[in-house]
Amino acid sequence: MFPDKKEYEKMIGVQSPPSPKGKDFVWAFCVGGLICVIGQLLFAFYEMLGLSEKAVRMAVPCTLIFAAALLTGLQLFDKIAKHAGAGTLVPITGFGNAVVSPAIEFKSEGQVLGLGAKMFSIAGPVLVFGITSSVIYGVLLMIFQGL
């Protein structure tokens, strides 16, 4: 009734063949690099508009996160990520996708328990770690600069 270990491994090999690692690496590198190029072009564009450097440094990540969230909502981000792999997930665009994807998935459960509660289920640990480490870094910087 149940397959033994060898039969199970054979079934898995047929259903999910190993991916071509070299091709995946090149695609991830190219797409991740393209996202970085787009970020640099946005940086130059916002500077050209006359924004201060501080405003530009805030506008570029906001634009990239918004674009990733929009592409996720339009169901295009997953199609791109399917071919690009970590190239779309490692840069800041992965954060936008990580926030919007659960929100879309759980919206049927309601505004509070679905959308609100599940929206940060993937990105939440990243936020907690990032905020906690920045507070620790700030305290250490304050202690050592105060000496």
Protein backbone atom coordinates (compact mmCIF):
# COMPACT_ATOMS: atom_id res chain seq x y z
CA MET A 1 0.00 0.00 0.00
CA PHE A 2 2.72 2.50 0.96
CA PRO A 3 5.89 2.73 -1.14
CA ASP A 4 9.18 1.80 0.48
CA LYS A 5 12.01 4.31 0.77
CA LYS A 6 13.60 3.53 -2.63
CA GLU A 7 10.27 3.69 -4.48
CA TYR A 8 9.42 6.96 -2.74
CA GLU A 9 12.77 8.53 -3.70
CA LYS A 10 12.23 7.39 -7.29
CA MET A 11 8.74 8.97 -7.31
CA ILE A 12 10.16 12.24 -5.97
CA GLY A 13 12.92 12.21 -8.59
CA VAL A 14 10.34 11.91 -11.35
CA GLN A 15 7.99 14.55 -9.94
CA SER A 16 10.67 17.11 -9.08
CA PRO A 17 13.80 16.63 -11.16
CA PRO A 18 16.90 18.53 -10.03
CA SER A 19 17.08 22.07 -11.32
CA PRO A 20 19.94 23.22 -13.54
CA LYS A 21 21.98 25.06 -10.91
CA GLY A 22 24.23 26.89 -13.37
CA LYS A 23 21.28 28.31 -15.32
CA ASP A 24 19.47 29.23 -12.08
CA PHE A 25 22.59 31.01 -10.80
CA VAL A 26 22.99 33.04 -13.99
CA TRP A 27 19.28 34.01 -14.08
CA ALA A 28 19.28 35.01 -10.40
CA PHE A 29 22.43 37.07 -10.93
CA CYS A 30 21.06 38.80 -14.04
CA VAL A 31 17.63 39.58 -12.60
CA GLY A 32 19.06 40.70 -9.24
CA GLY A 33 21.54 42.88 -11.13
CA LEU A 34 18.74 44.30 -13.29
CA ILE A 35 16.80 45.23 -10.16
CA CYS A 36 19.90 46.99 -8.84
CA VAL A 37 20.34 48.82 -12.16
CA ILE A 38 16.70 49.93 -11.98
CA GLY A 39 17.35 51.15 -8.43
CA GLN A 40 20.37 53.12 -9.61
CA LEU A 41 18.36 54.61 -12.49
CA LEU A 42 15.65 55.62 -10.01
CA PHE A 43 18.33 57.20 -7.83
CA ALA A 44 19.58 59.26 -10.78
CA PHE A 45 16.01 60.15 -11.79
CA TYR A 46 15.09 61.38 -8.32
CA GLU A 47 18.32 63.38 -8.10
CA MET A 48 17.52 64.90 -11.49
CA LEU A 49 14.15 66.01 -10.07
CA GLY A 50 16.08 68.00 -7.47
CA LEU A 51 15.34 65.92 -4.39
CA SER A 52 17.88 66.00 -1.58
CA GLU A 53 20.11 62.97 -1.12
CA LYS A 54 18.22 62.02 2.03
CA ALA A 55 14.89 62.13 0.17
CA VAL A 56 16.33 60.15 -2.74
CA ARG A 57 17.60 57.46 -0.36
CA MET A 58 14.06 57.09 0.98
CA ALA A 59 12.29 57.33 -2.38
CA VAL A 60 14.23 54.58 -4.17
CA PRO A 61 13.44 51.72 -1.74
CA CYS A 62 9.83 52.93 -1.43
CA THR A 63 9.47 52.85 -5.21
CA LEU A 64 11.00 49.38 -5.50
CA ILE A 65 8.82 48.00 -2.68
CA PHE A 66 5.73 49.58 -4.25
CA ALA A 67 6.60 48.14 -7.67
CA ALA A 68 7.09 44.65 -6.19
CA ALA A 69 3.82 44.92 -4.27
CA LEU A 70 2.01 46.07 -7.41
CA LEU A 71 3.50 43.25 -9.49
CA THR A 72 2.51 40.78 -6.76
CA GLY A 73 -1.04 42.11 -6.75
CA LEU A 74 -1.19 41.78 -10.54
CA GLN A 75 0.13 38.20 -10.20
CA LEU A 76 3.21 39.00 -12.27
CA PHE A 77 5.86 38.85 -9.54
CA ASP A 78 5.46 35.07 -9.09
CA LYS A 79 5.86 34.51 -12.82
CA ILE A 80 9.07 36.53 -12.83
CA ALA A 81 10.33 34.83 -9.65
CA LYS A 82 9.62 31.40 -11.11
CA HIS A 83 12.35 31.99 -13.69
CA ALA A 84 14.61 34.36 -11.75
CA GLY A 85 14.59 32.57 -8.39
CA ALA A 86 16.48 34.36 -5.66
CA GLY A 87 17.25 37.21 -8.04
CA THR A 88 13.85 38.69 -7.21
CA LEU A 89 13.67 37.62 -3.59
CA VAL A 90 17.01 38.75 -2.22
CA PRO A 91 16.82 42.47 -3.09
CA ILE A 92 14.31 44.76 -1.40
CA THR A 93 11.66 43.68 -3.91
CA GLY A 94 11.39 40.41 -2.02
CA PHE A 95 10.19 42.37 1.02
CA GLY A 96 7.32 43.91 -0.94
CA ASN A 97 6.34 40.48 -2.20
CA ALA A 98 6.62 38.96 1.29
CA VAL A 99 4.15 41.50 2.69
CA VAL A 100 1.60 41.44 -0.12
CA SER A 101 1.48 37.69 -0.85
CA PRO A 102 0.01 36.62 2.53
CA ALA A 103 -2.34 39.59 2.47
CA ILE A 104 -3.76 38.43 -0.86
CA GLU A 105 -3.89 34.80 0.25
CA PHE A 106 -5.77 35.46 3.48
CA LYS A 107 -8.02 38.38 2.46
CA SER A 108 -11.01 36.01 2.37
CA GLU A 109 -10.70 35.62 6.16
CA GLY A 110 -11.59 39.27 6.70
CA GLN A 111 -9.88 42.59 7.17
CA VAL A 112 -8.59 42.05 10.71
CA LEU A 113 -8.03 38.31 11.12
CA GLY A 114 -7.10 37.68 7.51
CA LEU A 115 -5.45 40.68 5.96
CA GLY A 116 -4.18 42.41 9.11
CA ALA A 117 -3.03 39.35 11.03
CA LYS A 118 -1.42 37.45 8.17
CA MET A 119 0.12 40.32 6.20
CA PHE A 120 3.37 40.24 8.18
CA SER A 121 3.52 36.48 8.73
CA ILE A 122 6.51 36.19 6.38
CA ALA A 123 8.00 39.66 6.69
CA GLY A 124 7.35 39.96 10.44
CA PRO A 125 10.45 38.05 11.58
CA VAL A 126 12.57 40.11 9.20
CA LEU A 127 11.17 43.31 10.67
CA VAL A 128 11.65 42.12 14.26
CA PHE A 129 15.24 41.09 13.59
CA GLY A 130 16.01 44.27 11.67
CA ILE A 131 14.53 46.57 14.29
CA THR A 132 16.10 44.67 17.19
CA SER A 133 19.55 44.59 15.60
CA SER A 134 19.37 48.29 14.74
CA VAL A 135 18.46 49.15 18.34
CA ILE A 136 21.35 47.03 19.65
CA TYR A 137 23.70 48.62 17.13
CA GLY A 138 22.50 52.10 18.12
CA VAL A 139 22.99 51.42 21.83
CA LEU A 140 26.48 50.01 21.24
CA LEU A 141 27.37 52.96 19.04
CA MET A 142 26.13 55.37 21.68
CA ILE A 143 28.13 53.59 24.42
CA PHE A 144 31.37 53.43 22.47
CA GLN A 145 31.14 56.93 21.00
CA GLY A 146 30.35 58.29 24.44
CA LEU A 147 33.64 56.94 25.81
